[in-house]
Amino acid sequence: MAPEAFDISAEQTLARTSPNSVHAIKSVRDHMADIAIIANECNDIDISKTFLEEEKAFLVASSEICKERSFHEILREATFISYDYHCSFSNIIEQYFKKADYQPQSTIMVGGSDEMIKRAVLNGTGYAILGQNAIENEINDGSITILQHISASIITSAINLKVRSDEPNILTFHEFLQNAWPASNNLSESLG
C-alpha cells in the first residue's frame, strides 16, 4: 500500500487519496487534482496519459473453495464479489461475462478496494476478478487459485490536463512515477 503522502521536495507534498478511476478523471478534468493515477481507459481529448503498467487480470477463488467445487460449480453456486459500477474494472468485468455468455447468480459489491475483494475471496465468500498485483503473494503461497485468465488487461496510467503537460511539476512527477512504479514482471513471467 502506498503511503498517505509522498515527500516530493522541501516545498511540495503529494497527498494520496483512493478514489476510483472515474472520480480521478473527473478530478483532473475539474481542476481538483493536477495529476491522477488511473487503472482504466480515458478517452477524454483534453487529458494526457502517461503509461505506467499493464497488468494481467484473473478470475480467482480461494484455494479452499476450489478443492471442494469444480469451475462450473463455483460460477453456478458461489457469489461474485465485485467493485461498484463506476470502478476501474467495470469494463473488464462486463467484457468477461459478455464473452463467457454468463451472468453471476448473485453479486456482492464492495466498492473500489482490491484489498476488500481479496479478503472476501480468501474468506471463501465467493469468486472475483482481480489484477495480478493484488493477488501475487496469495497465488505464490497457494491461498488463491486462478480459475481463468481474463483476456483484457488492466492499464495503469498517470493523467493530467493536456494544457498543463509542460509544467515543470507535472513533468517531474510523471518522470518520478515512471521511474518508481513497481514492475510486475515477477508474476507475469511465472503466470505466462
N, C-alpha and C. Protein backbone atom coordinates (compact mmCIF):
# COMPACT_ATOMS: atom_id res chain seq x y z
N MET A 1 0.86 -1.17 0.00
CA MET A 1 0.00 0.00 0.00
C MET A 1 0.90 1.23 0.00
N ALA A 2 0.55 2.21 -0.80
CA ALA A 2 1.33 3.43 -0.89
C ALA A 2 1.14 4.26 0.37
N PRO A 3 2.14 5.04 0.73
CA PRO A 3 1.99 5.90 1.90
C PRO A 3 0.93 6.97 1.66
N GLU A 4 0.47 7.58 2.72
CA GLU A 4 -0.57 8.61 2.61
C GLU A 4 -0.07 9.86 1.89
N ALA A 5 1.23 10.11 1.93
CA ALA A 5 1.78 11.27 1.22
C ALA A 5 3.20 10.96 0.80
N PHE A 6 3.59 11.46 -0.35
CA PHE A 6 4.96 11.34 -0.82
C PHE A 6 5.63 12.68 -0.59
N ASP A 7 6.83 12.70 -0.03
CA ASP A 7 7.56 13.94 0.12
C ASP A 7 8.35 14.15 -1.16
N ILE A 8 7.86 14.99 -2.05
CA ILE A 8 8.47 15.22 -3.35
C ILE A 8 9.69 16.14 -3.23
N SER A 9 9.56 17.19 -2.47
CA SER A 9 10.66 18.12 -2.26
C SER A 9 10.36 18.88 -0.98
N ALA A 10 11.24 19.79 -0.66
CA ALA A 10 11.04 20.58 0.55
C ALA A 10 9.77 21.43 0.46
N GLU A 11 9.38 21.83 -0.77
CA GLU A 11 8.22 22.70 -0.91
C GLU A 11 6.94 21.98 -1.29
N GLN A 12 7.03 20.73 -1.75
CA GLN A 12 5.85 20.07 -2.29
C GLN A 12 5.59 18.74 -1.60
N THR A 13 4.34 18.46 -1.40
CA THR A 13 3.90 17.16 -0.91
C THR A 13 2.70 16.75 -1.74
N LEU A 14 2.67 15.49 -2.12
CA LEU A 14 1.55 14.97 -2.88
C LEU A 14 0.70 14.11 -1.95
N ALA A 15 -0.54 14.46 -1.77
CA ALA A 15 -1.44 13.66 -0.95
C ALA A 15 -1.99 12.53 -1.78
N ARG A 16 -2.18 11.38 -1.16
CA ARG A 16 -2.74 10.22 -1.84
C ARG A 16 -4.15 9.99 -1.33
N THR A 17 -5.07 9.91 -2.27
CA THR A 17 -6.44 9.53 -1.93
C THR A 17 -6.75 8.24 -2.66
N SER A 18 -7.87 7.63 -2.39
CA SER A 18 -8.22 6.36 -3.04
C SER A 18 -9.54 6.44 -3.80
N PRO A 19 -9.72 7.42 -4.67
CA PRO A 19 -10.95 7.43 -5.46
C PRO A 19 -10.84 6.39 -6.57
N ASN A 20 -11.98 6.04 -7.17
CA ASN A 20 -11.89 5.15 -8.32
C ASN A 20 -11.45 5.98 -9.53
N SER A 21 -11.21 5.30 -10.63
CA SER A 21 -10.69 5.99 -11.82
C SER A 21 -11.66 7.01 -12.38
N VAL A 22 -12.94 6.72 -12.32
CA VAL A 22 -13.94 7.69 -12.81
C VAL A 22 -13.84 8.98 -12.02
N HIS A 23 -13.74 8.87 -10.69
CA HIS A 23 -13.59 10.05 -9.83
C HIS A 23 -12.25 10.75 -10.11
N ALA A 24 -11.20 9.99 -10.31
CA ALA A 24 -9.88 10.58 -10.57
C ALA A 24 -9.88 11.37 -11.88
N ILE A 25 -10.47 10.82 -12.92
CA ILE A 25 -10.54 11.53 -14.20
C ILE A 25 -11.34 12.82 -14.05
N LYS A 26 -12.46 12.74 -13.36
CA LYS A 26 -13.28 13.93 -13.12
C LYS A 26 -12.50 14.97 -12.30
N SER A 27 -11.72 14.53 -11.34
CA SER A 27 -10.94 15.45 -10.50
C SER A 27 -9.90 16.20 -11.33
N VAL A 28 -9.27 15.52 -12.27
CA VAL A 28 -8.30 16.19 -13.16
C VAL A 28 -9.04 17.14 -14.09
N ARG A 29 -10.12 16.67 -14.69
CA ARG A 29 -10.89 17.49 -15.63
C ARG A 29 -11.42 18.76 -14.96
N ASP A 30 -11.85 18.64 -13.67
CA ASP A 30 -12.43 19.76 -12.95
C ASP A 30 -11.41 20.58 -12.16
N HIS A 31 -10.13 20.34 -12.41
CA HIS A 31 -9.04 21.09 -11.77
C HIS A 31 -8.98 20.88 -10.26
N MET A 32 -9.48 19.76 -9.79
CA MET A 32 -9.38 19.43 -8.37
C MET A 32 -8.08 18.69 -8.09
N ALA A 33 -7.50 18.08 -9.11
CA ALA A 33 -6.21 17.38 -8.99
C ALA A 33 -5.37 17.74 -10.20
N ASP A 34 -4.08 17.88 -9.98
CA ASP A 34 -3.16 18.16 -11.08
C ASP A 34 -2.86 16.89 -11.87
N ILE A 35 -2.66 15.81 -11.12
CA ILE A 35 -2.32 14.50 -11.69
C ILE A 35 -3.13 13.46 -10.95
N ALA A 36 -3.52 12.41 -11.66
CA ALA A 36 -4.19 11.27 -11.03
C ALA A 36 -3.63 9.99 -11.64
N ILE A 37 -3.72 8.93 -10.89
CA ILE A 37 -3.33 7.62 -11.38
C ILE A 37 -4.60 6.82 -11.55
N ILE A 38 -4.77 6.27 -12.76
CA ILE A 38 -5.99 5.53 -13.06
C ILE A 38 -5.65 4.13 -13.57
N ALA A 39 -6.56 3.23 -13.37
CA ALA A 39 -6.46 1.88 -13.93
C ALA A 39 -7.70 1.68 -14.79
N ASN A 40 -7.76 2.45 -15.86
CA ASN A 40 -8.97 2.46 -16.67
C ASN A 40 -8.65 3.16 -17.99
N GLU A 41 -9.52 3.00 -18.94
CA GLU A 41 -9.41 3.76 -20.18
C GLU A 41 -9.80 5.21 -19.91
N CYS A 42 -9.15 6.11 -20.59
CA CYS A 42 -9.51 7.52 -20.53
C CYS A 42 -9.43 8.05 -21.95
N ASN A 43 -10.56 8.31 -22.53
CA ASN A 43 -10.61 8.77 -23.92
C ASN A 43 -10.94 10.26 -24.02
N ASP A 44 -10.77 10.99 -22.95
CA ASP A 44 -11.03 12.42 -22.92
C ASP A 44 -9.95 13.13 -23.74
N ILE A 45 -10.34 13.88 -24.76
CA ILE A 45 -9.36 14.52 -25.65
C ILE A 45 -8.55 15.61 -24.96
N ASP A 46 -9.01 16.08 -23.81
CA ASP A 46 -8.30 17.13 -23.09
C ASP A 46 -7.33 16.59 -22.04
N ILE A 47 -7.24 15.27 -21.94
CA ILE A 47 -6.39 14.65 -20.91
C ILE A 47 -5.25 13.89 -21.56
N SER A 48 -4.06 14.09 -21.02
CA SER A 48 -2.86 13.40 -21.45
C SER A 48 -2.60 12.22 -20.53
N LYS A 49 -2.18 11.08 -21.11
CA LYS A 49 -1.90 9.88 -20.33
C LYS A 49 -0.42 9.52 -20.43
N THR A 50 0.13 9.06 -19.31
CA THR A 50 1.49 8.52 -19.28
C THR A 50 1.38 7.07 -18.81
N PHE A 51 1.76 6.15 -19.65
CA PHE A 51 1.67 4.72 -19.33
C PHE A 51 2.58 4.38 -18.16
N LEU A 52 2.04 3.61 -17.21
CA LEU A 52 2.84 3.14 -16.08
C LEU A 52 2.98 1.63 -16.07
N GLU A 53 1.90 0.91 -16.41
CA GLU A 53 1.97 -0.54 -16.29
C GLU A 53 0.78 -1.21 -16.97
N GLU A 54 1.02 -2.40 -17.51
CA GLU A 54 -0.05 -3.26 -17.99
C GLU A 54 -0.05 -4.49 -17.10
N GLU A 55 -1.19 -4.78 -16.54
CA GLU A 55 -1.32 -5.84 -15.54
C GLU A 55 -2.35 -6.86 -16.01
N LYS A 56 -2.04 -8.12 -15.84
CA LYS A 56 -2.99 -9.17 -16.19
C LYS A 56 -4.10 -9.23 -15.14
N ALA A 57 -5.27 -9.68 -15.58
CA ALA A 57 -6.40 -9.85 -14.68
C ALA A 57 -6.81 -11.32 -14.70
N PHE A 58 -7.31 -11.79 -13.56
CA PHE A 58 -7.67 -13.20 -13.42
C PHE A 58 -9.00 -13.35 -12.71
N LEU A 59 -9.74 -14.38 -13.08
CA LEU A 59 -10.90 -14.82 -12.32
C LEU A 59 -10.34 -15.76 -11.26
N VAL A 60 -10.61 -15.47 -9.99
CA VAL A 60 -9.98 -16.22 -8.90
C VAL A 60 -10.99 -16.62 -7.83
N ALA A 61 -10.60 -17.61 -7.06
CA ALA A 61 -11.36 -18.04 -5.87
C ALA A 61 -10.35 -18.53 -4.85
N SER A 62 -10.80 -18.70 -3.63
CA SER A 62 -9.90 -19.24 -2.61
C SER A 62 -9.58 -20.69 -2.98
N SER A 63 -8.39 -21.11 -2.65
CA SER A 63 -7.99 -22.48 -2.94
C SER A 63 -8.84 -23.49 -2.19
N GLU A 64 -9.35 -23.10 -1.03
CA GLU A 64 -10.24 -23.99 -0.26
C GLU A 64 -11.53 -24.28 -1.05
N ILE A 65 -12.13 -23.25 -1.62
CA ILE A 65 -13.35 -23.44 -2.43
C ILE A 65 -13.04 -24.31 -3.64
N CYS A 66 -11.87 -24.10 -4.24
CA CYS A 66 -11.51 -24.84 -5.46
C CYS A 66 -11.28 -26.32 -5.18
N LYS A 67 -10.93 -26.67 -3.95
CA LYS A 67 -10.77 -28.09 -3.59
C LYS A 67 -12.12 -28.79 -3.53
N GLU A 68 -13.16 -28.02 -3.18
CA GLU A 68 -14.50 -28.59 -2.95
C GLU A 68 -15.40 -28.55 -4.18
N ARG A 69 -15.13 -27.64 -5.13
CA ARG A 69 -16.05 -27.43 -6.24
C ARG A 69 -15.29 -27.33 -7.56
N SER A 70 -15.98 -27.70 -8.64
CA SER A 70 -15.41 -27.52 -9.98
C SER A 70 -15.56 -26.06 -10.39
N PHE A 71 -14.93 -25.70 -11.48
CA PHE A 71 -15.03 -24.35 -12.03
C PHE A 71 -16.49 -23.97 -12.26
N HIS A 72 -17.24 -24.85 -12.91
CA HIS A 72 -18.65 -24.55 -13.23
C HIS A 72 -19.51 -24.49 -11.97
N GLU A 73 -19.21 -25.31 -10.98
CA GLU A 73 -19.94 -25.24 -9.71
C GLU A 73 -19.68 -23.91 -9.00
N ILE A 74 -18.44 -23.46 -9.05
CA ILE A 74 -18.11 -22.16 -8.43
C ILE A 74 -18.92 -21.05 -9.10
N LEU A 75 -18.92 -21.03 -10.43
CA LEU A 75 -19.68 -19.99 -11.14
C LEU A 75 -21.17 -20.10 -10.87
N ARG A 76 -21.68 -21.30 -10.77
CA ARG A 76 -23.12 -21.51 -10.59
C ARG A 76 -23.57 -21.27 -9.15
N GLU A 77 -22.74 -21.65 -8.17
CA GLU A 77 -23.17 -21.67 -6.77
C GLU A 77 -22.58 -20.55 -5.91
N ALA A 78 -21.42 -20.06 -6.25
CA ALA A 78 -20.76 -19.06 -5.40
C ALA A 78 -21.17 -17.64 -5.81
N THR A 79 -20.91 -16.72 -4.94
CA THR A 79 -21.24 -15.31 -5.15
C THR A 79 -20.07 -14.62 -5.85
N PHE A 80 -20.40 -13.79 -6.84
CA PHE A 80 -19.37 -12.97 -7.48
C PHE A 80 -19.16 -11.73 -6.63
N ILE A 81 -17.91 -11.45 -6.29
CA ILE A 81 -17.56 -10.29 -5.48
C ILE A 81 -17.02 -9.24 -6.42
N SER A 82 -17.66 -8.08 -6.42
CA SER A 82 -17.37 -7.08 -7.44
C SER A 82 -17.10 -5.71 -6.85
N TYR A 83 -16.51 -4.89 -7.69
CA TYR A 83 -16.37 -3.47 -7.41
C TYR A 83 -17.72 -2.81 -7.71
N ASP A 84 -17.84 -1.53 -7.37
CA ASP A 84 -19.08 -0.84 -7.73
C ASP A 84 -19.12 -0.58 -9.23
N TYR A 85 -20.26 -0.10 -9.71
CA TYR A 85 -20.45 0.08 -11.15
C TYR A 85 -19.50 1.10 -11.76
N HIS A 86 -19.00 2.02 -10.98
CA HIS A 86 -18.14 3.07 -11.52
C HIS A 86 -16.66 2.80 -11.26
N CYS A 87 -16.33 1.54 -11.01
CA CYS A 87 -14.95 1.22 -10.68
C CYS A 87 -14.09 1.16 -11.93
N SER A 88 -12.81 1.06 -11.70
CA SER A 88 -11.84 0.98 -12.77
C SER A 88 -12.02 -0.26 -13.64
N PHE A 89 -12.50 -1.34 -13.05
CA PHE A 89 -12.55 -2.61 -13.75
C PHE A 89 -13.93 -2.95 -14.29
N SER A 90 -14.87 -2.02 -14.25
CA SER A 90 -16.23 -2.30 -14.73
C SER A 90 -16.22 -2.86 -16.15
N ASN A 91 -15.44 -2.23 -17.03
CA ASN A 91 -15.40 -2.67 -18.42
C ASN A 91 -14.84 -4.08 -18.54
N ILE A 92 -13.81 -4.38 -17.78
CA ILE A 92 -13.20 -5.71 -17.82
C ILE A 92 -14.20 -6.75 -17.35
N ILE A 93 -14.90 -6.45 -16.26
CA ILE A 93 -15.90 -7.39 -15.72
C ILE A 93 -17.03 -7.60 -16.72
N GLU A 94 -17.54 -6.50 -17.29
CA GLU A 94 -18.62 -6.61 -18.27
C GLU A 94 -18.18 -7.41 -19.49
N GLN A 95 -16.98 -7.12 -20.00
CA GLN A 95 -16.47 -7.84 -21.17
C GLN A 95 -16.32 -9.33 -20.88
N TYR A 96 -15.80 -9.65 -19.69
CA TYR A 96 -15.61 -11.06 -19.34
C TYR A 96 -16.94 -11.82 -19.36
N PHE A 97 -17.93 -11.30 -18.66
CA PHE A 97 -19.20 -12.02 -18.57
C PHE A 97 -19.94 -12.04 -19.91
N LYS A 98 -19.78 -11.00 -20.71
CA LYS A 98 -20.40 -11.00 -22.05
C LYS A 98 -19.76 -12.07 -22.92
N LYS A 99 -18.43 -12.14 -22.91
CA LYS A 99 -17.70 -13.13 -23.70
C LYS A 99 -18.01 -14.55 -23.21
N ALA A 100 -18.13 -14.71 -21.89
CA ALA A 100 -18.42 -16.02 -21.32
C ALA A 100 -19.90 -16.39 -21.48
N ASP A 101 -20.71 -15.43 -21.94
CA ASP A 101 -22.15 -15.62 -22.08
C ASP A 101 -22.75 -16.14 -20.78
N TYR A 102 -22.41 -15.44 -19.71
CA TYR A 102 -22.82 -15.87 -18.38
C TYR A 102 -22.98 -14.64 -17.50
N GLN A 103 -23.92 -14.68 -16.59
CA GLN A 103 -24.08 -13.65 -15.57
C GLN A 103 -24.11 -14.32 -14.21
N PRO A 104 -23.43 -13.75 -13.21
CA PRO A 104 -23.42 -14.36 -11.88
C PRO A 104 -24.83 -14.48 -11.31
N GLN A 105 -25.05 -15.55 -10.55
CA GLN A 105 -26.34 -15.76 -9.90
C GLN A 105 -26.56 -14.76 -8.78
N SER A 106 -25.47 -14.41 -8.08
CA SER A 106 -25.55 -13.39 -7.03
C SER A 106 -24.24 -12.62 -7.01
N THR A 107 -24.33 -11.36 -6.61
CA THR A 107 -23.18 -10.47 -6.59
C THR A 107 -23.17 -9.66 -5.32
N ILE A 108 -22.00 -9.51 -4.74
CA ILE A 108 -21.78 -8.59 -3.62
C ILE A 108 -20.86 -7.50 -4.13
N MET A 109 -21.26 -6.24 -3.99
CA MET A 109 -20.41 -5.11 -4.38
C MET A 109 -19.77 -4.55 -3.13
N VAL A 110 -18.44 -4.43 -3.18
CA VAL A 110 -17.72 -3.96 -2.00
C VAL A 110 -17.00 -2.64 -2.25
N GLY A 111 -17.37 -1.92 -3.28
CA GLY A 111 -16.72 -0.65 -3.55
C GLY A 111 -15.54 -0.82 -4.48
N GLY A 112 -14.53 0.00 -4.31
CA GLY A 112 -13.40 0.00 -5.22
C GLY A 112 -12.11 -0.50 -4.62
N SER A 113 -12.18 -1.35 -3.63
CA SER A 113 -10.97 -1.78 -2.92
C SER A 113 -10.55 -3.19 -3.30
N ASP A 114 -9.38 -3.31 -3.95
CA ASP A 114 -8.82 -4.62 -4.24
C ASP A 114 -8.65 -5.43 -2.97
N GLU A 115 -8.19 -4.77 -1.92
CA GLU A 115 -7.91 -5.47 -0.65
C GLU A 115 -9.19 -6.06 -0.05
N MET A 116 -10.29 -5.32 -0.08
CA MET A 116 -11.56 -5.85 0.45
C MET A 116 -12.04 -7.05 -0.36
N ILE A 117 -11.93 -6.96 -1.67
CA ILE A 117 -12.36 -8.05 -2.53
C ILE A 117 -11.48 -9.27 -2.30
N LYS A 118 -10.18 -9.05 -2.21
CA LYS A 118 -9.25 -10.15 -1.97
C LYS A 118 -9.55 -10.84 -0.64
N ARG A 119 -9.81 -10.07 0.39
CA ARG A 119 -10.14 -10.65 1.70
C ARG A 119 -11.42 -11.46 1.65
N ALA A 120 -12.41 -10.97 0.92
CA ALA A 120 -13.66 -11.72 0.77
C ALA A 120 -13.41 -13.04 0.04
N VAL A 121 -12.58 -13.01 -0.98
CA VAL A 121 -12.22 -14.24 -1.70
C VAL A 121 -11.50 -15.20 -0.75
N LEU A 122 -10.52 -14.69 -0.02
CA LEU A 122 -9.75 -15.54 0.90
C LEU A 122 -10.64 -16.14 1.99
N ASN A 123 -11.67 -15.41 2.40
CA ASN A 123 -12.59 -15.91 3.42
C ASN A 123 -13.63 -16.89 2.87
N GLY A 124 -13.56 -17.15 1.56
CA GLY A 124 -14.49 -18.12 0.96
C GLY A 124 -15.85 -17.56 0.63
N THR A 125 -15.97 -16.24 0.59
CA THR A 125 -17.26 -15.60 0.30
C THR A 125 -17.69 -15.83 -1.14
N GLY A 126 -16.74 -15.95 -2.04
CA GLY A 126 -17.07 -16.15 -3.45
C GLY A 126 -15.86 -16.02 -4.33
N TYR A 127 -16.11 -15.66 -5.58
CA TYR A 127 -15.04 -15.53 -6.58
C TYR A 127 -15.03 -14.10 -7.11
N ALA A 128 -13.93 -13.71 -7.76
CA ALA A 128 -13.79 -12.32 -8.20
C ALA A 128 -12.83 -12.23 -9.38
N ILE A 129 -12.82 -11.08 -10.00
CA ILE A 129 -11.81 -10.72 -10.99
C ILE A 129 -10.89 -9.73 -10.31
N LEU A 130 -9.60 -10.08 -10.25
CA LEU A 130 -8.60 -9.22 -9.62
C LEU A 130 -7.36 -9.14 -10.50
N GLY A 131 -6.63 -8.04 -10.34
CA GLY A 131 -5.37 -7.85 -11.05
C GLY A 131 -4.25 -8.61 -10.37
N GLN A 132 -3.25 -8.93 -11.16
CA GLN A 132 -2.13 -9.74 -10.67
C GLN A 132 -1.41 -9.11 -9.49
N ASN A 133 -1.28 -7.80 -9.47
CA ASN A 133 -0.55 -7.16 -8.36
C ASN A 133 -1.25 -7.35 -7.03
N ALA A 134 -2.57 -7.38 -7.05
CA ALA A 134 -3.34 -7.52 -5.81
C ALA A 134 -3.24 -8.92 -5.21
N ILE A 135 -2.96 -9.92 -6.06
CA ILE A 135 -3.01 -11.30 -5.59
C ILE A 135 -1.70 -12.06 -5.74
N GLU A 136 -0.65 -11.40 -6.10
CA GLU A 136 0.63 -12.07 -6.35
C GLU A 136 1.08 -12.95 -5.18
N ASN A 137 1.07 -12.40 -3.97
CA ASN A 137 1.51 -13.18 -2.81
C ASN A 137 0.62 -14.39 -2.57
N GLU A 138 -0.68 -14.22 -2.73
CA GLU A 138 -1.63 -15.29 -2.47
C GLU A 138 -1.56 -16.38 -3.54
N ILE A 139 -1.25 -16.00 -4.77
CA ILE A 139 -1.03 -17.00 -5.82
C ILE A 139 0.21 -17.81 -5.47
N ASN A 140 1.27 -17.11 -5.10
CA ASN A 140 2.54 -17.78 -4.78
C ASN A 140 2.43 -18.67 -3.55
N ASP A 141 1.63 -18.27 -2.54
CA ASP A 141 1.53 -19.11 -1.33
C ASP A 141 0.40 -20.14 -1.44
N GLY A 142 -0.35 -20.12 -2.55
CA GLY A 142 -1.36 -21.14 -2.79
C GLY A 142 -2.70 -20.89 -2.12
N SER A 143 -2.93 -19.73 -1.54
CA SER A 143 -4.21 -19.48 -0.87
C SER A 143 -5.30 -19.02 -1.83
N ILE A 144 -4.92 -18.53 -3.00
CA ILE A 144 -5.87 -18.17 -4.06
C ILE A 144 -5.51 -18.96 -5.31
N THR A 145 -6.54 -19.45 -5.99
CA THR A 145 -6.37 -20.21 -7.23
C THR A 145 -6.91 -19.41 -8.40
N ILE A 146 -6.16 -19.39 -9.48
CA ILE A 146 -6.63 -18.76 -10.72
C ILE A 146 -7.58 -19.73 -11.40
N LEU A 147 -8.81 -19.29 -11.60
CA LEU A 147 -9.80 -20.09 -12.30
C LEU A 147 -9.68 -19.90 -13.81
N GLN A 148 -9.34 -18.66 -14.20
CA GLN A 148 -9.26 -18.35 -15.62
C GLN A 148 -8.48 -17.06 -15.81
N HIS A 149 -7.69 -17.01 -16.89
CA HIS A 149 -7.05 -15.76 -17.29
C HIS A 149 -8.11 -14.91 -17.98
N ILE A 150 -8.11 -13.62 -17.72
CA ILE A 150 -9.03 -12.68 -18.36
C ILE A 150 -8.29 -12.07 -19.54
N SER A 151 -8.91 -12.05 -20.71
CA SER A 151 -8.21 -11.57 -21.91
C SER A 151 -7.89 -10.07 -21.84
N ALA A 152 -8.76 -9.30 -21.22
CA ALA A 152 -8.50 -7.86 -21.09
C ALA A 152 -7.47 -7.63 -19.98
N SER A 153 -6.60 -6.68 -20.20
CA SER A 153 -5.62 -6.36 -19.16
C SER A 153 -5.95 -5.00 -18.54
N ILE A 154 -5.34 -4.77 -17.39
CA ILE A 154 -5.54 -3.53 -16.66
C ILE A 154 -4.39 -2.60 -17.01
N ILE A 155 -4.70 -1.46 -17.58
CA ILE A 155 -3.69 -0.48 -17.95
C ILE A 155 -3.69 0.63 -16.90
N THR A 156 -2.56 0.82 -16.26
CA THR A 156 -2.43 1.88 -15.26
C THR A 156 -1.66 3.04 -15.88
N SER A 157 -2.21 4.23 -15.73
CA SER A 157 -1.61 5.43 -16.31
C SER A 157 -1.70 6.60 -15.33
N ALA A 158 -0.80 7.53 -15.50
CA ALA A 158 -0.90 8.82 -14.81
C ALA A 158 -1.53 9.78 -15.82
N ILE A 159 -2.46 10.59 -15.36
CA ILE A 159 -3.14 11.52 -16.26
C ILE A 159 -3.05 12.95 -15.74
N ASN A 160 -3.14 13.87 -16.68
CA ASN A 160 -3.21 15.30 -16.36
C ASN A 160 -3.85 16.01 -17.55
N LEU A 161 -4.27 17.24 -17.34
CA LEU A 161 -4.81 18.02 -18.44
C LEU A 161 -3.71 18.29 -19.46
N LYS A 162 -3.99 18.12 -20.75
CA LYS A 162 -3.00 18.34 -21.80
C LYS A 162 -2.41 19.75 -21.75
N VAL A 163 -3.25 20.74 -21.47
CA VAL A 163 -2.76 22.12 -21.46
C VAL A 163 -1.73 22.35 -20.36
N ARG A 164 -1.61 21.43 -19.41
CA ARG A 164 -0.65 21.58 -18.31
C ARG A 164 0.53 20.62 -18.43
N SER A 165 0.60 19.87 -19.52
CA SER A 165 1.61 18.82 -19.67
C SER A 165 3.05 19.31 -19.60
N ASP A 166 3.29 20.54 -19.97
CA ASP A 166 4.67 21.05 -19.99
C ASP A 166 5.07 21.76 -18.70
N GLU A 167 4.18 21.79 -17.72
CA GLU A 167 4.53 22.41 -16.44
C GLU A 167 5.60 21.58 -15.74
N PRO A 168 6.62 22.24 -15.18
CA PRO A 168 7.73 21.51 -14.56
C PRO A 168 7.31 20.52 -13.47
N ASN A 169 6.36 20.90 -12.62
CA ASN A 169 5.94 19.99 -11.56
C ASN A 169 5.28 18.73 -12.12
N ILE A 170 4.48 18.90 -13.16
CA ILE A 170 3.81 17.75 -13.76
C ILE A 170 4.83 16.87 -14.48
N LEU A 171 5.74 17.46 -15.23
CA LEU A 171 6.79 16.69 -15.89
C LEU A 171 7.64 15.92 -14.89
N THR A 172 8.01 16.59 -13.81
CA THR A 172 8.84 15.95 -12.78
C THR A 172 8.11 14.78 -12.13
N PHE A 173 6.84 14.98 -11.80
CA PHE A 173 6.12 13.90 -11.15
C PHE A 173 5.87 12.73 -12.08
N HIS A 174 5.59 13.00 -13.35
CA HIS A 174 5.43 11.91 -14.31
C HIS A 174 6.74 11.10 -14.42
N GLU A 175 7.84 11.80 -14.47
CA GLU A 175 9.14 11.12 -14.54
C GLU A 175 9.38 10.30 -13.27
N PHE A 176 9.06 10.89 -12.12
CA PHE A 176 9.18 10.17 -10.85
C PHE A 176 8.35 8.89 -10.88
N LEU A 177 7.10 8.99 -11.31
CA LEU A 177 6.22 7.81 -11.36
C LEU A 177 6.76 6.74 -12.29
N GLN A 178 7.21 7.14 -13.46
CA GLN A 178 7.72 6.15 -14.41
C GLN A 178 8.96 5.43 -13.86
N ASN A 179 9.79 6.14 -13.12
CA ASN A 179 11.00 5.53 -12.56
C ASN A 179 10.70 4.71 -11.31
N ALA A 180 9.69 5.10 -10.54
CA ALA A 180 9.43 4.46 -9.26
C ALA A 180 8.32 3.41 -9.30
N TRP A 181 7.54 3.37 -10.38
CA TRP A 181 6.39 2.45 -10.42
C TRP A 181 6.89 1.02 -10.36
N PRO A 182 6.31 0.23 -9.46
CA PRO A 182 6.79 -1.15 -9.28
C PRO A 182 6.57 -1.99 -10.53
N ALA A 183 7.59 -2.70 -10.90
CA ALA A 183 7.47 -3.60 -12.05
C ALA A 183 6.67 -4.82 -11.65
N SER A 184 5.89 -5.33 -12.59
CA SER A 184 5.07 -6.51 -12.29
C SER A 184 5.59 -7.72 -13.06
N ASN A 185 6.87 -7.73 -13.36
CA ASN A 185 7.44 -8.80 -14.18
C ASN A 185 7.47 -10.15 -13.49
N ASN A 186 7.62 -10.21 -12.16
CA ASN A 186 7.75 -11.49 -11.49
C ASN A 186 6.54 -12.39 -11.72
N LEU A 187 5.35 -11.88 -11.49
CA LEU A 187 4.15 -12.69 -11.66
C LEU A 187 3.87 -12.88 -13.15
N SER A 188 4.15 -11.87 -13.98
CA SER A 188 3.91 -12.00 -15.41
C SER A 188 4.70 -13.17 -15.96
N GLU A 189 5.95 -13.31 -15.52
CA GLU A 189 6.79 -14.40 -16.00
C GLU A 189 6.30 -15.73 -15.47
N SER A 190 5.94 -15.79 -14.19
CA SER A 190 5.56 -17.06 -13.60
C SER A 190 4.18 -17.53 -14.03
N LEU A 191 3.31 -16.60 -14.43
CA LEU A 191 1.95 -16.98 -14.83
C LEU A 191 1.75 -16.98 -16.34
N GLY A 192 2.78 -16.60 -17.07
CA GLY A 192 2.69 -16.63 -18.53
C GLY A 192 1.97 -15.46 -19.02
